[in-house]
Amino acid sequence: MTIELTRLLIDFGLVILIWMVQLNIYPSFLYYAREDLVQWHQKYTVGIAVIVIPLMFGQLGIYGYQLIQSQDPFPILGFAIVLIQWILTFAIFVPLHNAIGQNLHSDRTLQNLVKRNWWRTFLWSGLFVWSLVEFINTKMI
């Protein structure tokens, strides 16, 4: 399997995951009773981490590798988008999830989770589309 195909599959996995989170998982948090949400959230974060962590590290590694191999616009901007995703995740979403896990959240916390996650949804979707175009272009040349 080529690095380009691996990149495309990881990007696809993340785009599917982020849309499921955006349209189903995060909005569902608003329907839980407070105590039930805290209990469910502990299970959810462990389960989702098993999927998200390998995908995010895989994406970071592949885009980093491609950046080292070529300083063309796609590896440079692709790596920048991946770094932005990491920054958003750790600067915004980890603290929001920590607030939920520690039962320090409000309805506004949960609404912010959905509202701000559109940034990641847009970035991962755009990166996947661009990755697909790059993949098709490399296979056509």
Protein backbone atom coordinates (compact mmCIF):
# COMPACT_ATOMS: atom_id res chain seq x y z
CA MET A 1 0.00 0.00 0.00
CA THR A 2 1.37 3.39 -0.90
CA ILE A 3 1.83 6.23 1.56
CA GLU A 4 -0.68 8.26 -0.44
CA LEU A 5 -3.34 5.56 -0.09
CA THR A 6 -2.60 5.19 3.62
CA ARG A 7 -2.90 8.98 4.03
CA LEU A 8 -6.20 8.96 2.16
CA LEU A 9 -7.61 6.12 4.29
CA ILE A 10 -6.61 7.87 7.53
CA ASP A 11 -8.05 11.17 6.31
CA PHE A 12 -11.26 9.34 5.34
CA GLY A 13 -11.45 7.66 8.76
CA LEU A 14 -11.10 11.01 10.51
CA VAL A 15 -13.67 12.73 8.31
CA ILE A 16 -16.24 9.97 8.92
CA LEU A 17 -15.49 10.04 12.64
CA ILE A 18 -15.75 13.83 12.95
CA TRP A 19 -19.09 13.93 11.13
CA MET A 20 -20.48 11.19 13.43
CA VAL A 21 -19.26 13.14 16.43
CA GLN A 22 -20.60 16.43 15.09
CA LEU A 23 -24.04 15.25 14.01
CA ASN A 24 -24.78 12.54 16.59
CA ILE A 25 -22.46 12.18 19.55
CA TYR A 26 -21.87 15.75 20.75
CA PRO A 27 -25.50 16.84 20.26
CA SER A 28 -26.66 13.78 22.21
CA PHE A 29 -24.79 15.04 25.28
CA LEU A 30 -27.50 17.71 25.69
CA TYR A 31 -30.12 15.00 26.28
CA TYR A 32 -28.40 13.25 29.18
CA ALA A 33 -29.19 13.94 32.81
CA ARG A 34 -26.12 15.49 34.41
CA GLU A 35 -25.06 12.41 36.41
CA ASP A 36 -25.75 10.08 33.49
CA LEU A 37 -23.65 12.23 31.17
CA VAL A 38 -20.68 12.22 33.53
CA GLN A 39 -20.88 8.43 33.85
CA TRP A 40 -21.35 7.89 30.10
CA HIS A 41 -18.64 10.42 29.23
CA GLN A 42 -16.01 8.39 31.12
CA LYS A 43 -16.81 5.34 28.96
CA TYR A 44 -17.12 7.41 25.79
CA THR A 45 -13.72 9.10 26.11
CA VAL A 46 -11.92 5.80 26.64
CA GLY A 47 -13.71 4.16 23.72
CA ILE A 48 -13.27 7.05 21.30
CA ALA A 49 -9.61 7.48 22.25
CA VAL A 50 -8.88 3.96 21.01
CA ILE A 51 -10.05 5.12 17.57
CA VAL A 52 -8.95 8.77 17.52
CA ILE A 53 -5.43 8.51 18.92
CA PRO A 54 -4.04 6.08 16.31
CA LEU A 55 -5.72 8.01 13.49
CA MET A 56 -4.42 11.39 14.65
CA PHE A 57 -0.88 10.09 15.24
CA GLY A 58 -0.97 8.28 11.90
CA GLN A 59 -2.08 11.45 10.15
CA LEU A 60 0.58 13.53 11.87
CA GLY A 61 3.27 10.98 10.97
CA ILE A 62 2.28 10.69 7.33
CA TYR A 63 1.96 14.42 6.74
CA GLY A 64 5.24 14.96 8.60
CA TYR A 65 6.96 12.34 6.45
CA GLN A 66 5.54 13.84 3.27
CA LEU A 67 6.66 17.30 4.36
CA ILE A 68 10.22 16.02 4.83
CA GLN A 69 10.09 14.38 1.39
CA SER A 70 8.69 17.39 -0.47
CA GLN A 71 8.11 21.04 0.24
CA ASP A 72 5.32 21.34 -2.31
CA PRO A 73 2.13 23.19 -1.29
CA PHE A 74 0.14 20.06 -0.39
CA PRO A 75 2.55 18.62 2.22
CA ILE A 76 3.21 22.08 3.70
CA LEU A 77 -0.43 23.12 4.00
CA GLY A 78 -1.61 19.61 4.83
CA PHE A 79 0.85 19.41 7.72
CA ALA A 80 -0.24 22.90 8.85
CA ILE A 81 -3.89 21.81 8.89
CA VAL A 82 -2.98 18.71 10.90
CA LEU A 83 -1.10 20.88 13.42
CA ILE A 84 -4.08 23.22 13.68
CA GLN A 85 -6.28 20.20 14.41
CA TRP A 86 -3.93 19.15 17.22
CA ILE A 87 -3.90 22.68 18.66
CA LEU A 88 -7.70 22.92 18.52
CA THR A 89 -8.06 19.51 20.12
CA PHE A 90 -5.76 20.21 23.04
CA ALA A 91 -6.50 23.91 23.53
CA ILE A 92 -10.29 23.76 23.22
CA PHE A 93 -11.72 20.26 23.24
CA VAL A 94 -9.65 18.55 25.92
CA PRO A 95 -10.59 21.28 28.45
CA LEU A 96 -14.28 20.99 27.49
CA HIS A 97 -14.16 17.21 27.89
CA ASN A 98 -12.30 17.58 31.19
CA ALA A 99 -15.07 19.86 32.46
CA ILE A 100 -17.65 17.21 31.57
CA GLY A 101 -15.60 14.41 33.11
CA GLN A 102 -15.19 16.39 36.35
CA ASN A 103 -18.89 17.33 36.44
CA LEU A 104 -18.01 21.02 36.05
CA HIS A 105 -19.93 21.53 32.83
CA SER A 106 -23.02 23.54 31.99
CA ASP A 107 -25.39 23.46 29.06
CA ARG A 108 -23.20 26.18 27.56
CA THR A 109 -20.17 23.84 27.78
CA LEU A 110 -22.09 21.22 25.82
CA GLN A 111 -23.32 23.76 23.28
CA ASN A 112 -19.76 25.04 22.82
CA LEU A 113 -18.62 21.49 22.18
CA VAL A 114 -21.02 21.26 19.23
CA LYS A 115 -20.53 24.83 18.01
CA ARG A 116 -16.73 24.85 18.12
CA ASN A 117 -16.42 21.35 16.71
CA TRP A 118 -17.56 22.74 13.36
CA TRP A 119 -14.00 24.10 13.01
CA ARG A 120 -12.54 20.61 13.17
CA THR A 121 -15.33 19.21 11.00
CA PHE A 122 -14.63 21.79 8.30
CA LEU A 123 -10.84 21.35 8.48
CA TRP A 124 -10.88 17.54 8.39
CA SER A 125 -13.48 17.53 5.61
CA GLY A 126 -11.49 19.99 3.52
CA LEU A 127 -8.26 18.11 4.12
CA PHE A 128 -9.88 14.83 3.06
CA VAL A 129 -11.24 16.33 -0.17
CA TRP A 130 -7.86 17.85 -0.95
CA SER A 131 -6.12 14.57 -0.09
CA LEU A 132 -8.50 12.73 -2.44
CA VAL A 133 -7.76 15.18 -5.27
CA GLU A 134 -4.01 14.82 -4.64
CA PHE A 135 -4.34 11.03 -4.60
CA ILE A 136 -6.23 11.01 -7.90
CA ASN A 137 -3.72 13.43 -9.45
CA THR A 138 -0.71 11.31 -8.40
CA LYS A 139 -2.32 8.18 -9.84
CA MET A 140 -3.14 9.88 -13.13
CA ILE A 141 0.37 11.16 -13.76
